[in-house]
Amino acid sequence: MTMINVVSKPMTVSEIKIKAKALGIDGGKMKKTELIHAVQKAEGVTPCYGRSNGSCPWTQCCWRSDCFKTKA
């Protein structure tokens, strides 16, 4: 799993697009959740952002601080 990069605050869409571009993803007009799911897929991880229902075993996930507040 390559999702390690814990941040204390949620990433902005601009920051997510930079991460996505580094993975070869054209973020274009994707919404934040769609973009994060695309990044997760490219990293070989289940696209789970916003789907955790408050319970997640991935404590080192870079999306964790924002994930629990989001419903995908």
N, C-alpha and C. Protein backbone atom coordinates (compact mmCIF):
# COMPACT_ATOMS: atom_id res chain seq x y z
N MET A 1 0.85 -1.17 0.00
CA MET A 1 0.00 0.00 0.00
C MET A 1 0.90 1.23 0.00
N THR A 2 0.63 2.19 -0.88
CA THR A 2 1.45 3.39 -0.98
C THR A 2 0.73 4.64 -0.52
N MET A 3 -0.33 4.50 0.26
CA MET A 3 -1.11 5.66 0.69
C MET A 3 -0.46 6.40 1.84
N ILE A 4 0.70 6.01 2.27
CA ILE A 4 1.30 6.66 3.43
C ILE A 4 1.81 8.04 3.05
N ASN A 5 1.43 9.01 3.77
CA ASN A 5 1.74 10.43 3.63
C ASN A 5 0.74 11.15 4.51
N VAL A 6 0.70 10.84 5.74
CA VAL A 6 -0.31 11.40 6.62
C VAL A 6 -0.15 12.91 6.69
N VAL A 7 -1.25 13.60 6.51
CA VAL A 7 -1.26 15.04 6.61
C VAL A 7 -2.21 15.43 7.72
N SER A 8 -1.95 16.56 8.35
CA SER A 8 -2.79 16.97 9.46
C SER A 8 -4.05 17.68 9.00
N LYS A 9 -4.05 18.19 7.78
CA LYS A 9 -5.23 18.86 7.26
C LYS A 9 -5.58 18.26 5.91
N PRO A 10 -6.83 18.37 5.51
CA PRO A 10 -7.23 17.81 4.21
C PRO A 10 -6.45 18.47 3.08
N MET A 11 -6.14 17.69 2.06
CA MET A 11 -5.46 18.22 0.88
C MET A 11 -6.45 19.03 0.05
N THR A 12 -5.97 20.11 -0.55
CA THR A 12 -6.82 20.89 -1.45
C THR A 12 -6.94 20.14 -2.77
N VAL A 13 -7.91 20.51 -3.57
CA VAL A 13 -8.09 19.87 -4.87
C VAL A 13 -6.83 20.10 -5.72
N SER A 14 -6.23 21.26 -5.63
CA SER A 14 -5.00 21.55 -6.37
C SER A 14 -3.88 20.59 -5.97
N GLU A 15 -3.74 20.34 -4.68
CA GLU A 15 -2.72 19.41 -4.19
C GLU A 15 -3.01 17.98 -4.65
N ILE A 16 -4.28 17.62 -4.66
CA ILE A 16 -4.67 16.28 -5.11
C ILE A 16 -4.39 16.13 -6.60
N LYS A 17 -4.64 17.18 -7.37
CA LYS A 17 -4.37 17.14 -8.81
C LYS A 17 -2.88 16.97 -9.08
N ILE A 18 -2.03 17.58 -8.26
CA ILE A 18 -0.58 17.42 -8.40
C ILE A 18 -0.21 15.96 -8.15
N LYS A 19 -0.76 15.39 -7.09
CA LYS A 19 -0.51 13.98 -6.77
C LYS A 19 -1.01 13.09 -7.90
N ALA A 20 -2.19 13.39 -8.42
CA ALA A 20 -2.78 12.61 -9.51
C ALA A 20 -1.91 12.70 -10.77
N LYS A 21 -1.47 13.89 -11.10
CA LYS A 21 -0.65 14.08 -12.29
C LYS A 21 0.64 13.27 -12.20
N ALA A 22 1.22 13.21 -11.01
CA ALA A 22 2.45 12.43 -10.80
C ALA A 22 2.20 10.94 -11.05
N LEU A 23 0.95 10.51 -10.92
CA LEU A 23 0.57 9.12 -11.16
C LEU A 23 0.04 8.90 -12.57
N GLY A 24 0.09 9.95 -13.40
CA GLY A 24 -0.37 9.84 -14.78
C GLY A 24 -1.86 10.00 -14.97
N ILE A 25 -2.53 10.61 -13.99
CA ILE A 25 -3.98 10.79 -14.05
C ILE A 25 -4.29 12.22 -14.47
N ASP A 26 -5.16 12.36 -15.46
CA ASP A 26 -5.62 13.68 -15.87
C ASP A 26 -6.88 13.97 -15.08
N GLY A 27 -6.76 14.82 -14.07
CA GLY A 27 -7.88 15.14 -13.18
C GLY A 27 -8.99 15.88 -13.86
N GLY A 28 -8.65 16.63 -14.92
CA GLY A 28 -9.65 17.37 -15.69
C GLY A 28 -10.72 18.00 -14.83
N LYS A 29 -11.94 17.59 -15.05
CA LYS A 29 -13.08 18.16 -14.34
C LYS A 29 -13.64 17.20 -13.29
N MET A 30 -12.79 16.27 -12.83
CA MET A 30 -13.25 15.34 -11.80
C MET A 30 -13.54 16.09 -10.51
N LYS A 31 -14.55 15.62 -9.80
CA LYS A 31 -14.82 16.14 -8.46
C LYS A 31 -13.77 15.56 -7.52
N LYS A 32 -13.63 16.17 -6.36
CA LYS A 32 -12.60 15.78 -5.40
C LYS A 32 -12.66 14.28 -5.09
N THR A 33 -13.83 13.77 -4.78
CA THR A 33 -13.97 12.36 -4.43
C THR A 33 -13.57 11.46 -5.59
N GLU A 34 -14.00 11.79 -6.80
CA GLU A 34 -13.65 11.01 -7.98
C GLU A 34 -12.14 11.01 -8.20
N LEU A 35 -11.53 12.16 -8.00
CA LEU A 35 -10.10 12.30 -8.18
C LEU A 35 -9.33 11.45 -7.16
N ILE A 36 -9.76 11.50 -5.92
CA ILE A 36 -9.12 10.70 -4.88
C ILE A 36 -9.29 9.21 -5.17
N HIS A 37 -10.46 8.81 -5.61
CA HIS A 37 -10.68 7.40 -5.97
C HIS A 37 -9.75 6.99 -7.11
N ALA A 38 -9.56 7.87 -8.09
CA ALA A 38 -8.65 7.57 -9.21
C ALA A 38 -7.22 7.41 -8.71
N VAL A 39 -6.81 8.26 -7.78
CA VAL A 39 -5.47 8.17 -7.19
C VAL A 39 -5.34 6.85 -6.43
N GLN A 40 -6.34 6.52 -5.63
CA GLN A 40 -6.30 5.27 -4.88
C GLN A 40 -6.18 4.07 -5.82
N LYS A 41 -6.95 4.05 -6.90
CA LYS A 41 -6.87 2.95 -7.86
C LYS A 41 -5.47 2.88 -8.48
N ALA A 42 -4.91 4.03 -8.85
CA ALA A 42 -3.58 4.06 -9.46
C ALA A 42 -2.51 3.56 -8.50
N GLU A 43 -2.74 3.75 -7.21
CA GLU A 43 -1.81 3.28 -6.19
C GLU A 43 -2.04 1.81 -5.83
N GLY A 44 -3.05 1.20 -6.44
CA GLY A 44 -3.34 -0.20 -6.17
C GLY A 44 -4.12 -0.43 -4.89
N VAL A 45 -4.86 0.59 -4.49
CA VAL A 45 -5.62 0.53 -3.24
C VAL A 45 -7.11 0.57 -3.58
N THR A 46 -7.92 -0.06 -2.77
CA THR A 46 -9.37 0.01 -2.95
C THR A 46 -9.81 1.46 -2.84
N PRO A 47 -10.62 1.94 -3.78
CA PRO A 47 -11.09 3.33 -3.73
C PRO A 47 -12.14 3.50 -2.64
N CYS A 48 -11.66 3.68 -1.43
CA CYS A 48 -12.55 3.68 -0.26
C CYS A 48 -12.83 5.07 0.31
N TYR A 49 -12.20 6.10 -0.21
CA TYR A 49 -12.37 7.45 0.34
C TYR A 49 -13.85 7.81 0.46
N GLY A 50 -14.25 8.24 1.65
CA GLY A 50 -15.62 8.65 1.88
C GLY A 50 -16.61 7.52 2.08
N ARG A 51 -16.12 6.30 2.10
CA ARG A 51 -17.00 5.14 2.22
C ARG A 51 -16.78 4.35 3.52
N SER A 52 -16.03 4.92 4.44
CA SER A 52 -15.61 4.18 5.63
C SER A 52 -16.67 4.06 6.72
N ASN A 53 -17.65 4.94 6.72
CA ASN A 53 -18.67 4.97 7.77
C ASN A 53 -18.04 5.09 9.16
N GLY A 54 -16.91 5.81 9.24
CA GLY A 54 -16.28 6.07 10.53
C GLY A 54 -15.39 4.97 11.06
N SER A 55 -15.18 3.93 10.28
CA SER A 55 -14.34 2.82 10.72
C SER A 55 -13.37 2.47 9.61
N CYS A 56 -12.06 2.60 9.90
CA CYS A 56 -11.06 2.33 8.89
C CYS A 56 -9.77 1.83 9.54
N PRO A 57 -9.23 0.72 9.05
CA PRO A 57 -8.00 0.18 9.62
C PRO A 57 -6.74 0.89 9.14
N TRP A 58 -6.82 1.72 8.11
CA TRP A 58 -5.64 2.35 7.52
C TRP A 58 -5.30 3.65 8.23
N THR A 59 -4.62 3.56 9.36
CA THR A 59 -4.31 4.74 10.18
C THR A 59 -3.26 5.65 9.55
N GLN A 60 -2.51 5.16 8.58
CA GLN A 60 -1.47 5.97 7.93
C GLN A 60 -1.92 6.54 6.58
N CYS A 61 -3.19 6.49 6.28
CA CYS A 61 -3.71 6.96 5.00
C CYS A 61 -3.65 8.48 4.91
N CYS A 62 -3.19 8.99 3.77
CA CYS A 62 -3.07 10.44 3.59
C CYS A 62 -4.43 11.12 3.45
N TRP A 63 -5.49 10.38 3.26
CA TRP A 63 -6.84 10.96 3.12
C TRP A 63 -7.63 10.89 4.43
N ARG A 64 -7.13 10.21 5.41
CA ARG A 64 -7.87 9.90 6.64
C ARG A 64 -8.49 11.12 7.32
N SER A 65 -7.76 12.22 7.42
CA SER A 65 -8.29 13.39 8.14
C SER A 65 -9.55 13.96 7.49
N ASP A 66 -9.73 13.72 6.21
CA ASP A 66 -10.88 14.25 5.47
C ASP A 66 -11.92 13.18 5.18
N CYS A 67 -11.51 11.92 5.15
CA CYS A 67 -12.36 10.82 4.72
C CYS A 67 -13.62 10.65 5.57
N PHE A 68 -13.47 10.71 6.87
CA PHE A 68 -14.61 10.46 7.75
C PHE A 68 -15.68 11.53 7.62
N LYS A 69 -15.31 12.70 7.11
CA LYS A 69 -16.27 13.80 6.95
C LYS A 69 -16.99 13.75 5.61
N THR A 70 -16.59 12.83 4.75
CA THR A 70 -17.09 12.79 3.37
C THR A 70 -17.94 11.54 3.14
N LYS A 71 -19.01 11.71 2.40
CA LYS A 71 -19.84 10.57 1.99
C LYS A 71 -19.74 10.44 0.48
N ALA A 72 -19.23 9.28 0.05
CA ALA A 72 -19.06 9.07 -1.40
C ALA A 72 -20.20 8.25 -1.94
